[in-house]
Amino acid sequence: MTMRPTRVSMIGTLACAMMLGTISAAPAQTQLKVMVFPGLSNVPIFAAQHKNLFAKHGLTIELLNTPNSDVLRDGLAKGDHQIAHAAVHNAVAMVELAKADVAIVTGGDNGFNRIFVQPEINAYAELRGKTVVVDAPNTAYALLLYKVLKDSGLNKGDYAVKPVGGTTARLDAMTKDKANAAGVLNPPYTFRAKAAGLKDMGAAAKAIGAYQAGGAFVMRDWAKANSDTLVRYISAYVEGCRWALDPANKAEAIALIADRLKLTPDVAAQSYAVATDPPDNIAKDAKFNMEGFKTCSSCAPRSKDNGAAIRRRRRNMSICRFTIGRWRASDSERNRLWPNEFPHCRQQRSPFSHRTSAGLKQSSTFTT
């Protein structure tokens, strides 16, 4: 597969879902492979599977767990799977490092990330000369950790970086070898970390502010060739978000989390609270957090080579921040009803020039 460099774009929360309730007759079942990191961020997918929402939209999903970012990114580029859910900085890395043509298509959450250290560590400054564990050293939560440490006076080189893999691997590394002094973890593994005696230094979001972590991204060529499939996938995913966030479904959702993540009822209930309690809950309707994405971008280390890349990333990040209800509105209605939704935006050519099977016009994108 030949990949050409381009910008990362967010195709609406995609607009998301082009409209729940507007796709009446489900087509023949379409097979999709979706790769994720194991963890709480997958609750909307679990919900959509549990409530047969993917089947409702004519999809059969094979959900694959990745051991690390490299497997997820490389597999997406090669077409081994069609959709990836992970920290969206992985999509940025694919564009800037691998020169891949990637589109971010949903938001998700802030990662629910917390920084854990060995019990004898009392401050980030004490990590000087020690080892921190990460997934891949050049993206996502590794960069978040570097940013937190830099804000505490530690620069790269003041500590060693050990790539070990996803959250499960980072937790194992820290519990099996005390030389691995710190790492970013998220639920439900944060509860296991506490039980194992690791020290919780607090939520990463409190240290750096709003952060766009989890989201879905795809290869742009695949999206263009399979736009109807992508719309149906996002429709089911957003419906899964809504079901999971509905308090009426709390008991059933906790049982679902316990089953899918193999947790005790108590830990499942704690995990559910993290996923659903504002302000850091799963994003309503998978909305993309642009301010959080700017924070995500600022976490990238600056050098003479990538400083310009960071500026290009912000300039070229095409975002159409429509919620599902707003997607039905015309441009004039959007400007009238939500005048502050797109400050200082200019309209660009639509990333796709087609209509969905439901006869809905695809959106223009907007650049801030």
Protein backbone atom coordinates (compact mmCIF):
# COMPACT_ATOMS: atom_id res chain seq x y z
CA MET A 1 0.00 0.00 0.00
CA THR A 2 1.46 3.32 -1.02
CA MET A 3 0.98 6.10 1.52
CA ARG A 4 1.29 9.75 0.69
CA PRO A 5 1.84 12.52 3.21
CA THR A 6 -1.03 14.83 3.96
CA ARG A 7 -2.81 16.44 6.84
CA VAL A 8 -4.70 14.67 9.57
CA SER A 9 -8.36 15.57 9.45
CA MET A 10 -11.29 15.02 11.70
CA ILE A 11 -14.28 14.11 9.58
CA GLY A 12 -16.87 15.45 11.74
CA THR A 13 -17.58 13.41 14.79
CA LEU A 14 -18.01 12.74 11.56
CA ALA A 15 -20.57 13.99 11.52
CA CYS A 16 -21.35 12.11 12.95
CA ALA A 17 -23.09 9.48 12.52
CA MET A 18 -24.97 10.82 9.94
CA MET A 19 -27.66 10.48 11.50
CA LEU A 20 -28.92 8.20 13.96
CA GLY A 21 -32.46 7.43 13.09
CA THR A 22 -32.09 8.28 9.43
CA ILE A 23 -30.75 4.96 8.19
CA SER A 24 -33.84 2.84 7.98
CA ALA A 25 -33.09 -0.48 6.33
CA ALA A 26 -29.80 -2.10 7.30
CA PRO A 27 -27.83 -3.40 4.33
CA ALA A 28 -26.13 -6.78 4.16
CA GLN A 29 -23.69 -7.35 7.01
CA THR A 30 -20.31 -5.74 6.36
CA GLN A 31 -17.29 -7.26 8.08
CA LEU A 32 -14.94 -4.86 9.88
CA LYS A 33 -11.79 -5.40 11.90
CA VAL A 34 -11.35 -2.83 14.66
CA MET A 35 -8.16 -2.65 16.72
CA VAL A 36 -8.07 -1.19 20.24
CA PHE A 37 -6.00 -1.14 23.38
CA PRO A 38 -7.68 -3.18 26.14
CA GLY A 39 -9.38 -0.98 28.69
CA LEU A 40 -12.21 1.28 29.75
CA SER A 41 -12.16 3.45 26.63
CA ASN A 42 -13.83 0.57 24.77
CA VAL A 43 -17.07 0.76 26.74
CA PRO A 44 -19.00 2.36 23.80
CA ILE A 45 -17.88 -0.52 21.56
CA PHE A 46 -18.80 -3.08 24.19
CA ALA A 47 -22.20 -1.42 24.52
CA ALA A 48 -22.77 -1.36 20.77
CA GLN A 49 -21.93 -5.05 20.57
CA HIS A 50 -24.02 -5.92 23.61
CA LYS A 51 -27.10 -4.10 22.31
CA ASN A 52 -26.62 -5.33 18.73
CA LEU A 53 -26.17 -1.78 17.46
CA PHE A 54 -23.51 -2.74 14.93
CA ALA A 55 -25.82 -5.42 13.55
CA LYS A 56 -28.62 -2.86 13.43
CA HIS A 57 -26.43 -0.82 11.08
CA GLY A 58 -25.46 -3.80 8.97
CA LEU A 59 -22.03 -4.44 10.48
CA THR A 60 -20.19 -7.39 11.97
CA ILE A 61 -17.24 -6.32 14.12
CA GLU A 62 -14.14 -8.30 14.96
CA LEU A 63 -12.57 -6.50 17.92
CA LEU A 64 -8.80 -6.96 18.17
CA ASN A 65 -6.59 -6.01 21.13
CA THR A 66 -3.19 -4.55 20.30
CA PRO A 67 -0.13 -5.09 22.48
CA ASN A 68 1.37 -1.72 21.52
CA SER A 69 1.07 1.33 19.29
CA ASP A 70 3.38 0.02 16.58
CA VAL A 71 1.20 -3.02 15.89
CA LEU A 72 -1.92 -0.86 15.79
CA ARG A 73 -0.45 1.81 13.49
CA ASP A 74 1.39 -0.55 11.15
CA GLY A 75 -1.64 -2.82 10.83
CA LEU A 76 -3.91 0.09 9.98
CA ALA A 77 -1.52 1.33 7.30
CA LYS A 78 -1.27 -2.16 5.77
CA GLY A 79 -5.01 -2.72 5.87
CA ASP A 80 -4.89 -5.56 8.40
CA HIS A 81 -7.70 -3.75 10.20
CA GLN A 82 -9.89 -0.92 8.98
CA ILE A 83 -10.49 1.18 12.11
CA ALA A 84 -8.23 1.95 15.06
CA HIS A 85 -9.27 3.32 18.44
CA ALA A 86 -6.40 4.74 20.47
CA ALA A 87 -4.90 8.02 21.56
CA VAL A 88 -5.26 10.27 18.52
CA HIS A 89 -1.63 11.27 18.74
CA ASN A 90 -1.02 7.88 17.13
CA ALA A 91 -2.75 9.23 14.03
CA VAL A 92 -0.55 12.32 14.14
CA ALA A 93 2.52 10.09 14.42
CA MET A 94 1.41 8.11 11.38
CA VAL A 95 1.23 11.31 9.35
CA GLU A 96 4.41 12.94 10.60
CA LEU A 97 6.65 9.89 11.02
CA ALA A 98 5.32 7.38 8.49
CA LYS A 99 3.88 9.93 6.02
CA ALA A 100 0.57 8.05 6.05
CA ASP A 101 -2.73 9.57 4.90
CA VAL A 102 -4.87 9.26 8.02
CA ALA A 103 -8.21 10.76 9.08
CA ILE A 104 -9.38 11.05 12.68
CA VAL A 105 -13.12 10.37 12.64
CA THR A 106 -14.30 10.58 16.27
CA GLY A 107 -13.32 11.83 19.67
CA GLY A 108 -13.71 9.59 22.67
CA ASP A 109 -12.23 10.51 26.05
CA ASN A 110 -9.21 12.03 27.76
CA GLY A 111 -7.70 8.62 28.42
CA PHE A 112 -8.62 8.60 32.13
CA ASN A 113 -4.84 8.69 32.61
CA ARG A 114 -3.14 8.73 35.96
CA ILE A 115 0.57 8.74 36.67
CA PHE A 116 1.82 6.00 38.97
CA VAL A 117 5.21 5.72 40.65
CA GLN A 118 6.95 3.31 42.98
CA PRO A 119 5.86 3.82 46.61
CA GLU A 120 9.09 5.46 47.73
CA ILE A 121 8.74 8.27 45.15
CA ASN A 122 7.18 11.39 46.67
CA ALA A 123 7.65 13.96 43.90
CA TYR A 124 8.28 13.94 40.17
CA ALA A 125 11.70 15.51 40.76
CA GLU A 126 12.74 12.28 42.44
CA LEU A 127 12.49 10.50 39.08
CA ARG A 128 15.78 12.09 38.03
CA GLY A 129 18.16 9.29 37.04
CA LYS A 130 15.39 6.68 37.15
CA THR A 131 13.48 4.76 34.47
CA VAL A 132 9.99 5.50 33.20
CA VAL A 133 8.01 2.94 31.19
CA VAL A 134 6.04 3.86 28.07
CA ASP A 135 4.22 2.23 25.18
CA ALA A 136 6.16 3.68 22.24
CA PRO A 137 8.67 6.43 23.01
CA ASN A 138 7.51 8.91 20.39
CA THR A 139 3.78 9.34 20.79
CA ALA A 140 0.62 9.51 22.89
CA TYR A 141 0.93 8.92 26.62
CA ALA A 142 4.73 8.84 26.52
CA LEU A 143 4.66 12.45 25.33
CA LEU A 144 2.09 13.28 28.00
CA LEU A 145 4.43 11.88 30.65
CA TYR A 146 7.41 13.80 29.25
CA LYS A 147 5.34 17.01 29.41
CA VAL A 148 4.36 16.46 33.05
CA LEU A 149 7.99 15.73 33.96
CA LYS A 150 9.25 18.76 32.03
CA ASP A 151 6.80 20.96 33.91
CA SER A 152 8.38 19.55 37.08
CA GLY A 153 11.89 20.48 35.94
CA LEU A 154 12.97 17.20 34.32
CA ASN A 155 14.10 17.17 30.71
CA LYS A 156 14.65 14.22 28.39
CA GLY A 157 17.98 12.76 29.41
CA ASP A 158 17.30 13.35 33.09
CA TYR A 159 15.60 9.94 33.17
CA ALA A 160 15.68 6.75 31.10
CA VAL A 161 12.77 5.77 28.85
CA LYS A 162 11.88 2.08 28.45
CA PRO A 163 9.28 1.11 25.80
CA VAL A 164 7.37 -1.92 27.07
CA GLY A 165 3.92 -1.75 25.41
CA GLY A 166 0.35 -0.93 26.39
CA THR A 167 -1.11 -0.32 29.83
CA THR A 168 -1.11 -3.98 30.86
CA ALA A 169 2.57 -4.26 29.97
CA ARG A 170 3.42 -1.05 31.81
CA LEU A 171 1.64 -2.25 34.94
CA ASP A 172 3.43 -5.60 34.77
CA ALA A 173 6.77 -3.88 34.29
CA MET A 174 6.25 -1.66 37.33
CA THR A 175 4.98 -4.39 39.63
CA LYS A 176 7.67 -6.93 38.66
CA ASP A 177 10.68 -4.60 38.69
CA LYS A 178 10.96 -1.64 41.07
CA ALA A 179 13.60 -0.14 38.79
CA ASN A 180 10.71 0.86 36.55
CA ALA A 181 9.88 3.92 38.58
CA ALA A 182 6.94 5.56 36.80
CA GLY A 183 4.36 5.15 34.07
CA VAL A 184 0.99 6.34 32.82
CA LEU A 185 -1.87 3.95 33.57
CA ASN A 186 -5.62 4.04 33.02
CA PRO A 187 -8.62 2.10 34.37
CA PRO A 188 -9.17 -0.63 35.26
CA TYR A 189 -5.42 -1.10 35.61
CA THR A 190 -5.19 1.90 37.94
CA PHE A 191 -7.17 -0.04 40.54
CA ARG A 192 -4.83 -3.01 40.21
CA ALA A 193 -1.86 -0.69 40.53
CA LYS A 194 -3.16 0.70 43.82
CA ALA A 195 -3.81 -2.81 45.10
CA ALA A 196 -0.22 -3.72 44.21
CA GLY A 197 1.11 -0.83 46.29
CA LEU A 198 2.06 1.61 43.53
CA LYS A 199 1.57 5.30 44.35
CA ASP A 200 -1.00 7.36 42.47
CA MET A 201 0.37 10.83 41.68
CA GLY A 202 -2.97 12.02 40.35
CA ALA A 203 -4.80 12.56 37.10
CA ALA A 204 -2.64 13.63 34.19
CA ALA A 205 -5.39 16.00 33.05
CA LYS A 206 -5.06 17.97 36.27
CA ALA A 207 -1.38 18.47 35.55
CA ILE A 208 -1.69 19.57 31.91
CA GLY A 209 -5.34 20.54 31.38
CA ALA A 210 -7.80 19.39 28.72
CA TYR A 211 -6.45 16.47 26.71
CA GLN A 212 -7.86 14.70 23.66
CA ALA A 213 -6.77 11.11 24.04
CA GLY A 214 -8.98 8.34 22.70
CA GLY A 215 -10.53 8.56 19.26
CA ALA A 216 -11.08 6.54 16.10
CA PHE A 217 -8.95 6.98 13.00
CA VAL A 218 -8.78 5.37 9.58
CA MET A 219 -6.78 5.51 6.37
CA ARG A 220 -8.24 8.24 4.20
CA ASP A 221 -8.28 6.10 1.04
CA TRP A 222 -10.26 3.43 2.86
CA ALA A 223 -12.68 6.08 4.17
CA LYS A 224 -13.27 7.45 0.68
CA ALA A 225 -13.89 3.99 -0.74
CA ASN A 226 -16.08 2.86 2.18
CA SER A 227 -17.76 6.04 3.37
CA ASP A 228 -21.17 4.47 3.89
CA THR A 229 -19.60 1.72 6.02
CA LEU A 230 -17.74 4.32 8.06
CA VAL A 231 -20.90 6.34 8.63
CA ARG A 232 -22.75 3.24 9.78
CA TYR A 233 -19.90 2.35 12.13
CA ILE A 234 -19.89 5.80 13.72
CA SER A 235 -23.68 5.69 14.01
CA ALA A 236 -23.48 2.47 16.01
CA TYR A 237 -20.54 3.75 18.06
CA VAL A 238 -22.35 6.96 19.04
CA GLU A 239 -25.45 4.98 19.97
CA GLY A 240 -23.19 2.83 22.15
CA CYS A 241 -21.87 6.00 23.83
CA ARG A 242 -25.40 7.17 24.52
CA TRP A 243 -26.45 3.83 25.98
CA ALA A 244 -23.36 3.63 28.21
CA LEU A 245 -23.84 7.17 29.55
CA ASP A 246 -27.56 6.74 30.27
CA PRO A 247 -27.98 6.34 34.07
CA ALA A 248 -30.96 4.05 33.41
CA ASN A 249 -28.49 1.46 32.11
CA LYS A 250 -26.03 1.68 35.01
CA ALA A 251 -26.49 -1.80 36.47
CA GLU A 252 -26.42 -3.46 33.06
CA ALA A 253 -23.38 -1.42 32.02
CA ILE A 254 -21.47 -2.36 35.16
CA ALA A 255 -22.20 -6.02 34.52
CA LEU A 256 -21.05 -5.59 30.92
CA ILE A 257 -17.77 -3.97 32.02
CA ALA A 258 -17.18 -6.74 34.55
CA ASP A 259 -17.72 -9.37 31.88
CA ARG A 260 -15.68 -7.80 29.07
CA LEU A 261 -12.74 -6.64 31.20
CA LYS A 262 -12.85 -9.61 33.60
CA LEU A 263 -13.29 -7.48 36.71
CA THR A 264 -14.87 -8.01 40.08
CA PRO A 265 -18.22 -6.23 40.51
CA ASP A 266 -16.64 -3.66 42.82
CA VAL A 267 -13.86 -2.75 40.39
CA ALA A 268 -16.33 -2.72 37.51
CA ALA A 269 -18.51 -0.25 39.43
CA GLN A 270 -15.49 1.98 40.10
CA SER A 271 -14.54 1.80 36.44
CA TYR A 272 -18.06 2.70 35.38
CA ALA A 273 -17.95 5.76 37.64
CA VAL A 274 -14.69 6.91 36.02
CA ALA A 275 -16.17 6.46 32.53
CA THR A 276 -19.45 8.24 33.22
CA ASP A 277 -18.83 10.87 35.91
CA PRO A 278 -18.24 14.39 34.51
CA PRO A 279 -16.15 16.26 33.68
CA ASP A 280 -13.77 13.51 32.53
CA ASN A 281 -16.33 10.99 31.33
CA ILE A 282 -16.63 9.44 27.89
CA ALA A 283 -17.32 12.28 25.46
CA LYS A 284 -21.00 12.76 24.66
CA ASP A 285 -21.68 11.60 21.10
CA ALA A 286 -17.93 10.95 20.67
CA LYS A 287 -17.32 14.67 20.34
CA PHE A 288 -13.76 15.71 19.50
CA ASN A 289 -12.12 18.09 21.99
CA MET A 290 -10.18 20.62 19.93
CA GLU A 291 -8.70 22.38 22.96
CA GLY A 292 -7.61 18.99 24.23
CA PHE A 293 -6.02 18.26 20.88
CA LYS A 294 -4.00 21.47 21.12
CA THR A 295 -2.73 20.25 24.49
CA CYS A 296 -1.96 16.90 22.91
CA SER A 297 0.03 18.68 20.20
CA SER A 298 1.90 20.79 22.72
CA CYS A 299 3.12 17.63 24.46
CA ALA A 300 5.27 16.77 21.44
CA PRO A 301 8.92 17.55 22.05
CA ARG A 302 10.07 20.62 20.18
CA SER A 303 13.11 20.58 17.96
CA LYS A 304 14.24 22.39 14.85
CA ASP A 305 12.77 19.50 12.86
CA ASN A 306 9.36 19.13 14.43
CA GLY A 307 8.56 22.64 15.62
CA ALA A 308 7.29 23.46 12.14
CA ALA A 309 5.48 20.13 12.05
CA ILE A 310 3.56 21.04 15.19
CA ARG A 311 2.52 24.33 13.64
CA ARG A 312 1.46 22.56 10.45
CA ARG A 313 -0.52 20.05 12.49
CA ARG A 314 -2.55 22.77 14.15
CA ARG A 315 -3.05 24.66 10.89
CA ASN A 316 -4.04 21.62 8.86
CA MET A 317 -6.17 19.85 11.43
CA SER A 318 -9.53 20.10 9.67
CA ILE A 319 -12.33 19.77 12.15
CA CYS A 320 -16.06 19.66 11.58
CA ARG A 321 -17.34 19.82 15.14
CA PHE A 322 -20.97 18.97 14.50
CA THR A 323 -23.01 17.01 16.93
CA ILE A 324 -25.50 14.62 15.41
CA GLY A 325 -28.48 16.92 15.72
CA ARG A 326 -26.58 19.83 14.23
CA TRP A 327 -25.57 17.74 11.26
CA ARG A 328 -29.11 17.81 9.96
CA ALA A 329 -29.13 21.61 9.92
CA SER A 330 -28.23 23.68 6.88
CA ASP A 331 -25.20 25.99 6.96
CA SER A 332 -27.43 29.02 7.54
CA GLU A 333 -29.30 27.27 10.36
CA ARG A 334 -26.02 26.27 11.99
CA ASN A 335 -24.76 29.85 11.83
CA ARG A 336 -28.02 31.12 13.33
CA LEU A 337 -28.44 28.48 16.04
CA TRP A 338 -24.79 27.95 16.99
CA PRO A 339 -23.01 31.20 16.13
CA ASN A 340 -20.09 30.48 18.44
CA GLU A 341 -19.46 26.90 17.36
CA PHE A 342 -17.03 27.80 14.58
CA PRO A 343 -15.20 31.01 15.55
CA HIS A 344 -12.83 32.36 12.91
CA CYS A 345 -13.48 29.43 10.60
CA ARG A 346 -13.32 29.30 6.85
CA GLN A 347 -15.15 26.75 4.77
CA GLN A 348 -13.05 24.25 2.84
CA ARG A 349 -13.66 21.65 0.20
CA SER A 350 -15.44 18.62 1.60
CA PRO A 351 -13.10 15.67 2.22
CA PHE A 352 -15.62 13.45 0.44
CA SER A 353 -17.79 14.36 -2.54
CA HIS A 354 -20.64 11.93 -2.27
CA ARG A 355 -23.94 11.31 -0.56
CA THR A 356 -24.60 8.59 1.91
CA SER A 357 -27.04 5.78 1.23
CA ALA A 358 -29.54 7.74 3.30
CA GLY A 359 -29.36 10.59 0.80
CA LEU A 360 -27.66 12.96 3.21
CA LYS A 361 -25.10 15.43 1.90
CA GLN A 362 -21.67 14.96 3.34
CA SER A 363 -20.28 17.91 5.30
CA SER A 364 -17.73 20.51 4.47
CA THR A 365 -14.81 20.65 6.85
CA PHE A 366 -13.72 23.72 8.74
CA THR A 367 -10.29 24.86 9.77
CA THR A 368 -9.73 27.00 12.81
